């Protein structure tokens, strides 16, 4: 029961307090591009969550067993190699089983999302245990889903709003909306902006 509680607490912490999607803008361009398309968004969200969990757990095992990986450059090489390997294996099986080129394309975009690459760094800097790494991966995936859902609903509301001046319609209004949501999530972290 203690492990399950630790898993849940770390996942909730990652979702709300350390929402790296909204406080850092990681992978935000893909969120804005994919969130209006529900079918593609669902696939993308599952893939982001899966890559976050698998890479954070594999990177935990590699960095905890090897003491020579201590610089950011060495970690970037190792994390990139792990992520690339996981992507190639997932793409091979997706192409073998599903045989849908759209799934393989979405898989590549999900694997190369900066959120997925950032999760092992955050786990390492926080000195997370294996359970915490697992929960952090799930939490980061859910945080992405939460952010994308908020952005998707905001995009629909902005599109319908007739009071927004023509100059601010589209991308400028969307950036302002995302900035306001990000400020709200930064409020959860307790980080001082100025």
C-alpha atoms as a PDB file:
ATOM      1  CA  UNK A   1       0.000   0.000   0.000  1.00  0.00           C
ATOM      2  CA  UNK A   2       2.919   2.341   0.766  1.00  0.00           C
ATOM      3  CA  UNK A   3       4.309   1.910  -2.778  1.00  0.00           C
ATOM      4  CA  UNK A   4       0.904   2.649  -4.313  1.00  0.00           C
ATOM      5  CA  UNK A   5       0.554   5.765  -2.159  1.00  0.00           C
ATOM      6  CA  UNK A   6       4.056   6.924  -3.155  1.00  0.00           C
ATOM      7  CA  UNK A   7       3.226   6.295  -6.814  1.00  0.00           C
ATOM      8  CA  UNK A   8      -0.001   8.300  -6.583  1.00  0.00           C
ATOM      9  CA  UNK A   9       1.573  11.207  -4.669  1.00  0.00           C
ATOM     10  CA  UNK A  10       4.440  11.548  -7.156  1.00  0.00           C
ATOM     11  CA  UNK A  11       2.060  11.355 -10.120  1.00  0.00           C
ATOM     12  CA  UNK A  12      -0.188  14.059  -8.619  1.00  0.00           C
ATOM     13  CA  UNK A  13       2.857  16.189  -7.815  1.00  0.00           C
ATOM     14  CA  UNK A  14       4.014  15.916 -11.430  1.00  0.00           C
ATOM     15  CA  UNK A  15       0.556  16.685 -12.801  1.00  0.00           C
ATOM     16  CA  UNK A  16      -0.211  19.768 -10.754  1.00  0.00           C
ATOM     17  CA  UNK A  17       2.864  21.174  -9.041  1.00  0.00           C
ATOM     18  CA  UNK A  18       5.522  20.231 -11.553  1.00  0.00           C
ATOM     19  CA  UNK A  19       3.461  20.339 -14.749  1.00  0.00           C
ATOM     20  CA  UNK A  20       6.426  20.570 -17.074  1.00  0.00           C
ATOM     21  CA  UNK A  21       4.178  21.012 -20.084  1.00  0.00           C
ATOM     22  CA  UNK A  22       2.580  24.215 -18.828  1.00  0.00           C
ATOM     23  CA  UNK A  23       5.367  25.721 -16.733  1.00  0.00           C
ATOM     24  CA  UNK A  24       8.152  25.114 -19.235  1.00  0.00           C
ATOM     25  CA  UNK A  25       6.332  25.054 -22.561  1.00  0.00           C
ATOM     26  CA  UNK A  26       7.808  21.662 -23.420  1.00  0.00           C
ATOM     27  CA  UNK A  27       6.204  20.217 -26.515  1.00  0.00           C
ATOM     28  CA  UNK A  28       3.671  23.040 -26.602  1.00  0.00           C
ATOM     29  CA  UNK A  29       3.710  23.475 -30.383  1.00  0.00           C
ATOM     30  CA  UNK A  30       2.608  19.881 -30.855  1.00  0.00           C
ATOM     31  CA  UNK A  31      -0.108  20.332 -28.243  1.00  0.00           C
ATOM     32  CA  UNK A  32      -1.517  23.309 -30.110  1.00  0.00           C
ATOM     33  CA  UNK A  33      -1.344  21.495 -33.435  1.00  0.00           C
ATOM     34  CA  UNK A  34      -2.841  18.165 -32.351  1.00  0.00           C
ATOM     35  CA  UNK A  35      -5.361  19.140 -29.647  1.00  0.00           C
ATOM     36  CA  UNK A  36      -8.161  20.149 -32.089  1.00  0.00           C
ATOM     37  CA  UNK A  37      -8.113  16.667 -33.685  1.00  0.00           C
ATOM     38  CA  UNK A  38      -9.589  14.262 -31.083  1.00  0.00           C
ATOM     39  CA  UNK A  39      -8.673  10.971 -32.770  1.00  0.00           C
ATOM     40  CA  UNK A  40      -5.040  11.908 -33.362  1.00  0.00           C
ATOM     41  CA  UNK A  41      -4.866  13.552 -29.944  1.00  0.00           C
ATOM     42  CA  UNK A  42      -5.910  10.335 -28.173  1.00  0.00           C
ATOM     43  CA  UNK A  43      -3.178   8.353 -29.949  1.00  0.00           C
ATOM     44  CA  UNK A  44      -0.634  11.080 -29.274  1.00  0.00           C
ATOM     45  CA  UNK A  45      -1.524  11.252 -25.572  1.00  0.00           C
ATOM     46  CA  UNK A  46      -1.156   7.499 -25.121  1.00  0.00           C
ATOM     47  CA  UNK A  47       2.172   7.540 -26.969  1.00  0.00           C
ATOM     48  CA  UNK A  48       3.520  10.489 -24.951  1.00  0.00           C
ATOM     49  CA  UNK A  49       2.542   8.747 -21.710  1.00  0.00           C
ATOM     50  CA  UNK A  50       4.079   5.467 -22.838  1.00  0.00           C
ATOM     51  CA  UNK A  51       7.350   7.046 -23.953  1.00  0.00           C
ATOM     52  CA  UNK A  52       7.552   9.099 -20.742  1.00  0.00           C
ATOM     53  CA  UNK A  53       7.115   6.028 -18.539  1.00  0.00           C
ATOM     54  CA  UNK A  54       9.400   3.694 -20.486  1.00  0.00           C
ATOM     55  CA  UNK A  55      12.239   6.179 -20.985  1.00  0.00           C
ATOM     56  CA  UNK A  56      12.159   7.408 -17.392  1.00  0.00           C
ATOM     57  CA  UNK A  57      12.332   3.848 -16.031  1.00  0.00           C
ATOM     58  CA  UNK A  58      15.065   2.721 -18.454  1.00  0.00           C
ATOM     59  CA  UNK A  59      17.106   5.873 -17.835  1.00  0.00           C
ATOM     60  CA  UNK A  60      16.748   5.315 -14.091  1.00  0.00           C
ATOM     61  CA  UNK A  61      18.253   1.839 -14.391  1.00  0.00           C
ATOM     62  CA  UNK A  62      21.091   3.032 -16.600  1.00  0.00           C
ATOM     63  CA  UNK A  63      22.074   6.062 -14.522  1.00  0.00           C
ATOM     64  CA  UNK A  64      21.710   4.258 -11.181  1.00  0.00           C
ATOM     65  CA  UNK A  65      23.997   1.409 -12.310  1.00  0.00           C
ATOM     66  CA  UNK A  66      26.628   3.598 -13.990  1.00  0.00           C
ATOM     67  CA  UNK A  67      28.578   6.183 -12.021  1.00  0.00           C
ATOM     68  CA  UNK A  68      30.470   7.567 -15.034  1.00  0.00           C
ATOM     69  CA  UNK A  69      27.376   9.366 -16.375  1.00  0.00           C
ATOM     70  CA  UNK A  70      27.529  12.564 -14.357  1.00  0.00           C
ATOM     71  CA  UNK A  71      27.652  15.464 -16.829  1.00  0.00           C
ATOM     72  CA  UNK A  72      24.668  16.888 -18.682  1.00  0.00           C
ATOM     73  CA  UNK A  73      26.309  16.105 -22.018  1.00  0.00           C
ATOM     74  CA  UNK A  74      26.812  12.440 -21.110  1.00  0.00           C
ATOM     75  CA  UNK A  75      23.237  12.223 -19.819  1.00  0.00           C
ATOM     76  CA  UNK A  76      21.935  13.815 -23.024  1.00  0.00           C
ATOM     77  CA  UNK A  77      23.730  11.184 -25.102  1.00  0.00           C
ATOM     78  CA  UNK A  78      22.484   8.318 -22.922  1.00  0.00           C
ATOM     79  CA  UNK A  79      18.908   9.629 -22.682  1.00  0.00           C
ATOM     80  CA  UNK A  80      18.852  10.303 -26.423  1.00  0.00           C
ATOM     81  CA  UNK A  81      20.124   6.788 -27.162  1.00  0.00           C
ATOM     82  CA  UNK A  82      17.514   5.264 -24.849  1.00  0.00           C
ATOM     83  CA  UNK A  83      14.727   7.337 -26.372  1.00  0.00           C
ATOM     84  CA  UNK A  84      15.902   6.552 -29.903  1.00  0.00           C
ATOM     85  CA  UNK A  85      16.054   2.828 -29.130  1.00  0.00           C
ATOM     86  CA  UNK A  86      12.594   2.828 -27.564  1.00  0.00           C
ATOM     87  CA  UNK A  87      11.238   4.722 -30.575  1.00  0.00           C
ATOM     88  CA  UNK A  88      12.802   2.319 -33.088  1.00  0.00           C
ATOM     89  CA  UNK A  89      11.417  -0.721 -31.250  1.00  0.00           C
ATOM     90  CA  UNK A  90       7.963   0.871 -30.929  1.00  0.00           C
ATOM     91  CA  UNK A  91       7.977   1.958 -34.602  1.00  0.00           C
ATOM     92  CA  UNK A  92       9.010  -1.537 -35.728  1.00  0.00           C
ATOM     93  CA  UNK A  93       6.179  -3.216 -33.804  1.00  0.00           C
ATOM     94  CA  UNK A  94       3.644  -0.538 -34.741  1.00  0.00           C
ATOM     95  CA  UNK A  95       4.525  -0.918 -38.395  1.00  0.00           C
ATOM     96  CA  UNK A  96       4.486  -4.716 -38.095  1.00  0.00           C
ATOM     97  CA  UNK A  97       1.161  -4.987 -36.229  1.00  0.00           C
ATOM     98  CA  UNK A  98      -0.923  -1.969 -37.235  1.00  0.00           C
ATOM     99  CA  UNK A  99       0.569  -1.158 -40.661  1.00  0.00           C
ATOM    100  CA  UNK A 100      -0.782   2.389 -40.562  1.00  0.00           C
ATOM    101  CA  UNK A 101       1.600   5.142 -41.690  1.00  0.00           C
ATOM    102  CA  UNK A 102      -0.270   7.783 -39.658  1.00  0.00           C
ATOM    103  CA  UNK A 103       0.396   5.860 -36.427  1.00  0.00           C
ATOM    104  CA  UNK A 104       4.106   5.620 -37.214  1.00  0.00           C
ATOM    105  CA  UNK A 105       4.222   9.371 -38.003  1.00  0.00           C
ATOM    106  CA  UNK A 106       2.434  10.275 -34.755  1.00  0.00           C
ATOM    107  CA  UNK A 107       4.729   7.886 -32.909  1.00  0.00           C
ATOM    108  CA  UNK A 108       7.773   9.777 -34.172  1.00  0.00           C
ATOM    109  CA  UNK A 109       6.354  13.142 -33.164  1.00  0.00           C
ATOM    110  CA  UNK A 110       5.501  11.775 -29.695  1.00  0.00           C
ATOM    111  CA  UNK A 111       8.930  10.216 -29.198  1.00  0.00           C
ATOM    112  CA  UNK A 112      10.772  13.385 -30.189  1.00  0.00           C
ATOM    113  CA  UNK A 113       8.638  15.621 -27.976  1.00  0.00           C
ATOM    114  CA  UNK A 114      10.762  17.642 -25.577  1.00  0.00           C
ATOM    115  CA  UNK A 115       8.524  16.564 -22.699  1.00  0.00           C
ATOM    116  CA  UNK A 116       9.587  12.940 -23.110  1.00  0.00           C
ATOM    117  CA  UNK A 117      13.250  13.951 -23.221  1.00  0.00           C
ATOM    118  CA  UNK A 118      12.902  16.173 -20.122  1.00  0.00           C
ATOM    119  CA  UNK A 119      11.308  13.586 -17.804  1.00  0.00           C
ATOM    120  CA  UNK A 120      14.534  11.586 -17.179  1.00  0.00           C
ATOM    121  CA  UNK A 121      16.401  14.830 -16.414  1.00  0.00           C
ATOM    122  CA  UNK A 122      13.786  15.863 -13.891  1.00  0.00           C
ATOM    123  CA  UNK A 123      13.788  12.409 -12.309  1.00  0.00           C
ATOM    124  CA  UNK A 124      17.573  12.485 -12.043  1.00  0.00           C
ATOM    125  CA  UNK A 125      17.744  15.998 -10.591  1.00  0.00           C
ATOM    126  CA  UNK A 126      15.048  15.130  -8.029  1.00  0.00           C
ATOM    127  CA  UNK A 127      16.885  11.848  -7.165  1.00  0.00           C
ATOM    128  CA  UNK A 128      13.688   9.872  -7.666  1.00  0.00           C
ATOM    129  CA  UNK A 129      13.438   6.198  -6.802  1.00  0.00           C
ATOM    130  CA  UNK A 130      12.190   3.650  -9.337  1.00  0.00           C
ATOM    131  CA  UNK A 131       8.595   4.028  -8.132  1.00  0.00           C
ATOM    132  CA  UNK A 132       8.910   7.819  -8.317  1.00  0.00           C
ATOM    133  CA  UNK A 133      10.294   7.585 -11.878  1.00  0.00           C
ATOM    134  CA  UNK A 134       7.375   5.409 -12.893  1.00  0.00           C
ATOM    135  CA  UNK A 135       4.887   7.809 -11.306  1.00  0.00           C
ATOM    136  CA  UNK A 136       6.641  10.822 -12.788  1.00  0.00           C
ATOM    137  CA  UNK A 137       6.340   9.296 -16.254  1.00  0.00           C
ATOM    138  CA  UNK A 138       2.611   8.664 -15.778  1.00  0.00           C
ATOM    139  CA  UNK A 139       2.152  12.127 -14.269  1.00  0.00           C
ATOM    140  CA  UNK A 140       3.978  13.823 -17.138  1.00  0.00           C
ATOM    141  CA  UNK A 141       1.806  11.945 -19.620  1.00  0.00           C
ATOM    142  CA  UNK A 142      -1.354  12.933 -17.780  1.00  0.00           C
ATOM    143  CA  UNK A 143      -0.120  16.525 -17.473  1.00  0.00           C
ATOM    144  CA  UNK A 144       0.290  16.564 -21.237  1.00  0.00           C
ATOM    145  CA  UNK A 145      -3.268  15.286 -21.670  1.00  0.00           C
ATOM    146  CA  UNK A 146      -4.563  17.911 -19.226  1.00  0.00           C
ATOM    147  CA  UNK A 147      -2.666  20.706 -20.983  1.00  0.00           C
ATOM    148  CA  UNK A 148      -3.786  19.569 -24.420  1.00  0.00           C
ATOM    149  CA  UNK A 149      -7.413  19.287 -23.303  1.00  0.00           C
ATOM    150  CA  UNK A 150      -7.305  22.822 -21.866  1.00  0.00           C
ATOM    151  CA  UNK A 151      -5.680  24.153 -25.016  1.00  0.00           C
ATOM    152  CA  UNK A 152      -8.128  22.318 -27.284  1.00  0.00           C
ATOM    153  CA  UNK A 153     -11.159  23.649 -25.432  1.00  0.00           C
ATOM    154  CA  UNK A 154      -9.631  27.130 -25.400  1.00  0.00           C
ATOM    155  CA  UNK A 155      -9.012  26.987 -29.148  1.00  0.00           C
ATOM    156  CA  UNK A 156     -12.670  26.159 -29.761  1.00  0.00           C
ATOM    157  CA  UNK A 157     -13.816  28.991 -27.476  1.00  0.00           C
ATOM    158  CA  UNK A 158     -11.449  31.482 -29.084  1.00  0.00           C
ATOM    159  CA  UNK A 159     -12.652  30.480 -32.537  1.00  0.00           C
ATOM    160  CA  UNK A 160     -16.302  31.056 -31.568  1.00  0.00           C
ATOM    161  CA  UNK A 161     -15.689  34.349 -29.741  1.00  0.00           C
ATOM    162  CA  UNK A 162     -16.845  37.293 -31.847  1.00  0.00           C
ATOM    163  CA  UNK A 163     -15.433  39.932 -29.461  1.00  0.00           C
ATOM    164  CA  UNK A 164     -11.778  39.222 -30.231  1.00  0.00           C
ATOM    165  CA  UNK A 165     -10.397  41.806 -32.687  1.00  0.00           C
ATOM    166  CA  UNK A 166      -9.426  40.397 -36.100  1.00  0.00           C
ATOM    167  CA  UNK A 167      -5.755  41.249 -35.465  1.00  0.00           C
ATOM    168  CA  UNK A 168      -5.664  38.921 -32.432  1.00  0.00           C
ATOM    169  CA  UNK A 169      -7.682  36.028 -33.918  1.00  0.00           C
ATOM    170  CA  UNK A 170      -5.890  32.716 -34.339  1.00  0.00           C
ATOM    171  CA  UNK A 171      -2.299  32.313 -33.173  1.00  0.00           C
ATOM    172  CA  UNK A 172      -1.923  35.559 -31.147  1.00  0.00           C
ATOM    173  CA  UNK A 173      -5.057  34.801 -29.101  1.00  0.00           C
ATOM    174  CA  UNK A 174      -3.921  31.201 -28.668  1.00  0.00           C
ATOM    175  CA  UNK A 175      -0.479  32.242 -27.386  1.00  0.00           C
ATOM    176  CA  UNK A 176      -2.094  34.642 -24.919  1.00  0.00           C
ATOM    177  CA  UNK A 177      -4.460  31.909 -23.735  1.00  0.00           C
ATOM    178  CA  UNK A 178      -1.616  29.406 -23.266  1.00  0.00           C
ATOM    179  CA  UNK A 179       0.435  32.032 -21.412  1.00  0.00           C
ATOM    180  CA  UNK A 180      -2.422  32.633 -18.964  1.00  0.00           C
ATOM    181  CA  UNK A 181      -2.836  28.902 -18.304  1.00  0.00           C
ATOM    182  CA  UNK A 182       0.937  28.582 -17.831  1.00  0.00           C
ATOM    183  CA  UNK A 183       0.940  31.387 -15.295  1.00  0.00           C
ATOM    184  CA  UNK A 184      -1.777  29.551 -13.381  1.00  0.00           C
ATOM    185  CA  UNK A 185       0.315  26.377 -13.261  1.00  0.00           C
ATOM    186  CA  UNK A 186       3.414  28.334 -12.242  1.00  0.00           C
ATOM    187  CA  UNK A 187       1.329  29.557  -9.293  1.00  0.00           C
ATOM    188  CA  UNK A 188       1.089  25.924  -8.131  1.00  0.00           C
ATOM    189  CA  UNK A 189       4.867  25.500  -8.179  1.00  0.00           C
ATOM    190  CA  UNK A 190       5.554  28.410  -5.855  1.00  0.00           C
ATOM    191  CA  UNK A 191       8.278  29.645  -8.208  1.00  0.00           C
ATOM    192  CA  UNK A 192       8.922  33.355  -7.985  1.00  0.00           C
ATOM    193  CA  UNK A 193       8.822  34.984 -11.429  1.00  0.00           C
ATOM    194  CA  UNK A 194      10.429  38.333 -10.578  1.00  0.00           C
END
